[in-house]
Amino acid sequence: MTDPTVRDRRILVVEDEFMLANELETELLDAGAIVLGPAGTIKAAFDLIRSGQEIDGAILDVSLRGEMSFPVADLLIERGVPFVFTTGYDALVIPSRLEHVMRCVKPIKIAKVIETIGRLIRA
């Protein structure tokens, strides 16, 4: 089912859990989005962001293979890309400079994540 909030929007997926990354990709494609990634590491995320592709929004897991993804968040902010965090961590792990970023707590509801990123893109 296409979703007008993300249809034809380029959404970067940064998630290291294969099953969740695959589910996010599938649901975004079903909603009509163009999926970049999924990227499962910080390096892969940086490579995609720096590739020159237009990115309309991103879904960013807080922890990627044990590394916090805050440098990726900083680069997205620098480039003006709206994003949402997905995390199983408490809000206390989020640095104060990023506390304004929307969080979807794991286990996430994919439809809610898509709705959230769509709302952020429209804003």
C-alpha atoms as a PDB file:
ATOM      1  CA  MET A   1       0.000   0.000   0.000  1.00  0.00           C
ATOM      2  CA  THR A   2       1.491   3.326  -1.005  1.00  0.00           C
ATOM      3  CA  ASP A   3       1.741   6.068   1.575  1.00  0.00           C
ATOM      4  CA  PRO A   4       1.624   9.634   0.231  1.00  0.00           C
ATOM      5  CA  THR A   5       3.927  10.835   3.011  1.00  0.00           C
ATOM      6  CA  VAL A   6       6.874   8.759   1.776  1.00  0.00           C
ATOM      7  CA  ARG A   7       5.947   7.960  -1.826  1.00  0.00           C
ATOM      8  CA  ASP A   8       8.843   8.785  -4.139  1.00  0.00           C
ATOM      9  CA  ARG A   9      10.920   9.978  -1.167  1.00  0.00           C
ATOM     10  CA  ARG A  10      14.479   8.693  -0.752  1.00  0.00           C
ATOM     11  CA  ILE A  11      14.714   7.142   2.700  1.00  0.00           C
ATOM     12  CA  LEU A  12      18.056   6.031   4.103  1.00  0.00           C
ATOM     13  CA  VAL A  13      17.783   2.976   6.366  1.00  0.00           C
ATOM     14  CA  VAL A  14      20.629   2.529   8.850  1.00  0.00           C
ATOM     15  CA  GLU A  15      20.047  -0.679  10.802  1.00  0.00           C
ATOM     16  CA  ASP A  16      22.385  -3.544  11.684  1.00  0.00           C
ATOM     17  CA  GLU A  17      19.760  -6.186  12.542  1.00  0.00           C
ATOM     18  CA  PHE A  18      19.225  -7.976   9.238  1.00  0.00           C
ATOM     19  CA  MET A  19      15.612  -8.989   9.819  1.00  0.00           C
ATOM     20  CA  LEU A  20      14.551  -5.520  10.954  1.00  0.00           C
ATOM     21  CA  ALA A  21      16.485  -3.822   8.136  1.00  0.00           C
ATOM     22  CA  ASN A  22      14.820  -6.144   5.632  1.00  0.00           C
ATOM     23  CA  GLU A  23      11.366  -5.505   7.098  1.00  0.00           C
ATOM     24  CA  LEU A  24      11.898  -1.733   7.064  1.00  0.00           C
ATOM     25  CA  GLU A  25      13.063  -1.892   3.461  1.00  0.00           C
ATOM     26  CA  THR A  26      10.098  -4.025   2.385  1.00  0.00           C
ATOM     27  CA  GLU A  27       7.512  -1.852   4.132  1.00  0.00           C
ATOM     28  CA  LEU A  28       9.058   1.362   2.808  1.00  0.00           C
ATOM     29  CA  LEU A  29       9.069  -0.018  -0.733  1.00  0.00           C
ATOM     30  CA  ASP A  30       5.434  -1.093  -0.290  1.00  0.00           C
ATOM     31  CA  ALA A  31       4.675   2.470   0.844  1.00  0.00           C
ATOM     32  CA  GLY A  32       6.184   3.788  -2.392  1.00  0.00           C
ATOM     33  CA  ALA A  33       9.495   5.037  -0.981  1.00  0.00           C
ATOM     34  CA  ILE A  34      12.878   4.731  -2.627  1.00  0.00           C
ATOM     35  CA  VAL A  35      15.130   2.954  -0.132  1.00  0.00           C
ATOM     36  CA  LEU A  36      18.819   3.777   0.238  1.00  0.00           C
ATOM     37  CA  GLY A  37      20.672   1.025   2.051  1.00  0.00           C
ATOM     38  CA  PRO A  38      20.119  -0.595   4.373  1.00  0.00           C
ATOM     39  CA  ALA A  39      23.463   0.324   5.873  1.00  0.00           C
ATOM     40  CA  GLY A  40      24.532  -1.873   8.760  1.00  0.00           C
ATOM     41  CA  THR A  41      27.636   0.007   9.868  1.00  0.00           C
ATOM     42  CA  ILE A  42      28.635   3.576  10.524  1.00  0.00           C
ATOM     43  CA  LYS A  43      31.076   3.459   7.603  1.00  0.00           C
ATOM     44  CA  ALA A  44      28.379   2.198   5.231  1.00  0.00           C
ATOM     45  CA  ALA A  45      26.029   4.953   6.431  1.00  0.00           C
ATOM     46  CA  PHE A  46      28.720   7.614   5.898  1.00  0.00           C
ATOM     47  CA  ASP A  47      29.453   6.217   2.435  1.00  0.00           C
ATOM     48  CA  LEU A  48      25.784   6.424   1.417  1.00  0.00           C
ATOM     49  CA  ILE A  49      25.327   9.924   2.838  1.00  0.00           C
ATOM     50  CA  ARG A  50      28.474  11.166   1.127  1.00  0.00           C
ATOM     51  CA  SER A  51      27.689   9.423  -2.185  1.00  0.00           C
ATOM     52  CA  GLY A  52      25.921  12.488  -3.522  1.00  0.00           C
ATOM     53  CA  GLN A  53      22.512  10.820  -3.644  1.00  0.00           C
ATOM     54  CA  GLU A  54      19.631  12.983  -2.521  1.00  0.00           C
ATOM     55  CA  ILE A  55      18.249  11.840   0.833  1.00  0.00           C
ATOM     56  CA  ASP A  56      14.814  13.033   1.930  1.00  0.00           C
ATOM     57  CA  GLY A  57      14.795  11.319   5.317  1.00  0.00           C
ATOM     58  CA  ALA A  58      16.473   8.604   7.344  1.00  0.00           C
ATOM     59  CA  ILE A  59      15.739   5.909   9.882  1.00  0.00           C
ATOM     60  CA  LEU A  60      18.771   5.553  12.138  1.00  0.00           C
ATOM     61  CA  ASP A  61      19.419   2.824  14.701  1.00  0.00           C
ATOM     62  CA  VAL A  62      21.215   4.282  17.729  1.00  0.00           C
ATOM     63  CA  SER A  63      23.627   1.358  18.069  1.00  0.00           C
ATOM     64  CA  LEU A  64      25.329  -0.222  15.071  1.00  0.00           C
ATOM     65  CA  ARG A  65      27.394  -3.281  15.929  1.00  0.00           C
ATOM     66  CA  GLY A  66      28.213  -1.815  19.331  1.00  0.00           C
ATOM     67  CA  GLU A  67      29.047   1.683  18.070  1.00  0.00           C
ATOM     68  CA  MET A  68      26.781   4.616  18.766  1.00  0.00           C
ATOM     69  CA  SER A  69      25.558   6.218  15.552  1.00  0.00           C
ATOM     70  CA  PHE A  70      25.643   9.801  16.802  1.00  0.00           C
ATOM     71  CA  PRO A  71      28.312  10.888  14.268  1.00  0.00           C
ATOM     72  CA  VAL A  72      25.915   9.741  11.516  1.00  0.00           C
ATOM     73  CA  ALA A  73      23.138  11.760  13.172  1.00  0.00           C
ATOM     74  CA  ASP A  74      25.402  14.809  13.241  1.00  0.00           C
ATOM     75  CA  LEU A  75      26.145  14.454   9.506  1.00  0.00           C
ATOM     76  CA  LEU A  76      22.436  14.112   8.711  1.00  0.00           C
ATOM     77  CA  ILE A  77      21.709  17.282  10.700  1.00  0.00           C
ATOM     78  CA  GLU A  78      24.568  19.085   8.958  1.00  0.00           C
ATOM     79  CA  ARG A  79      23.013  18.166   5.616  1.00  0.00           C
ATOM     80  CA  GLY A  80      19.494  19.104   6.680  1.00  0.00           C
ATOM     81  CA  VAL A  81      18.136  15.550   6.462  1.00  0.00           C
ATOM     82  CA  PRO A  82      15.280  14.788   8.868  1.00  0.00           C
ATOM     83  CA  PHE A  83      15.579  11.465  10.644  1.00  0.00           C
ATOM     84  CA  VAL A  84      14.182   9.332  13.402  1.00  0.00           C
ATOM     85  CA  PHE A  85      16.123   7.176  15.842  1.00  0.00           C
ATOM     86  CA  THR A  86      15.178   3.564  16.450  1.00  0.00           C
ATOM     87  CA  THR A  87      16.515   2.191  19.695  1.00  0.00           C
ATOM     88  CA  GLY A  88      16.133  -0.226  22.515  1.00  0.00           C
ATOM     89  CA  TYR A  89      18.103   2.134  24.743  1.00  0.00           C
ATOM     90  CA  ASP A  90      16.746   4.539  27.302  1.00  0.00           C
ATOM     91  CA  ALA A  91      16.608   8.226  26.323  1.00  0.00           C
ATOM     92  CA  LEU A  92      19.502   8.880  28.726  1.00  0.00           C
ATOM     93  CA  VAL A  93      22.031   7.531  26.190  1.00  0.00           C
ATOM     94  CA  ILE A  94      21.094  10.231  23.680  1.00  0.00           C
ATOM     95  CA  PRO A  95      23.483  13.209  23.887  1.00  0.00           C
ATOM     96  CA  SER A  96      21.819  16.495  24.792  1.00  0.00           C
ATOM     97  CA  ARG A  97      22.594  17.908  21.318  1.00  0.00           C
ATOM     98  CA  LEU A  98      20.327  15.185  19.865  1.00  0.00           C
ATOM     99  CA  GLU A  99      17.595  15.021  22.484  1.00  0.00           C
ATOM    100  CA  HIS A 100      15.182  16.808  20.121  1.00  0.00           C
ATOM    101  CA  VAL A 101      15.309  13.887  17.650  1.00  0.00           C
ATOM    102  CA  MET A 102      12.198  11.682  17.593  1.00  0.00           C
ATOM    103  CA  ARG A 103      12.762   8.166  18.950  1.00  0.00           C
ATOM    104  CA  CYS A 104      10.882   4.998  18.094  1.00  0.00           C
ATOM    105  CA  VAL A 105      11.528   2.460  20.825  1.00  0.00           C
ATOM    106  CA  LYS A 106      12.238  -1.160  19.886  1.00  0.00           C
ATOM    107  CA  PRO A 107      10.438  -3.349  19.302  1.00  0.00           C
ATOM    108  CA  ILE A 108       9.264  -0.817  16.766  1.00  0.00           C
ATOM    109  CA  LYS A 109       6.012  -0.702  14.873  1.00  0.00           C
ATOM    110  CA  ILE A 110       7.101  -0.305  11.270  1.00  0.00           C
ATOM    111  CA  ALA A 111       3.961   1.609  10.268  1.00  0.00           C
ATOM    112  CA  LYS A 112       4.572   4.104  13.096  1.00  0.00           C
ATOM    113  CA  VAL A 113       8.203   4.609  12.000  1.00  0.00           C
ATOM    114  CA  ILE A 114       7.097   5.222   8.399  1.00  0.00           C
ATOM    115  CA  GLU A 115       4.406   7.629   9.561  1.00  0.00           C
ATOM    116  CA  THR A 116       6.923   9.470  11.754  1.00  0.00           C
ATOM    117  CA  ILE A 117       9.565   9.885   9.055  1.00  0.00           C
ATOM    118  CA  GLY A 118       6.872  10.951   6.588  1.00  0.00           C
ATOM    119  CA  ARG A 119       5.660  13.611   9.013  1.00  0.00           C
ATOM    120  CA  LEU A 120       9.221  14.858   9.547  1.00  0.00           C
ATOM    121  CA  ILE A 121       9.839  15.084   5.811  1.00  0.00           C
ATOM    122  CA  ARG A 122       6.653  17.113   5.307  1.00  0.00           C
ATOM    123  CA  ALA A 123       7.500  19.501   8.172  1.00  0.00           C
END
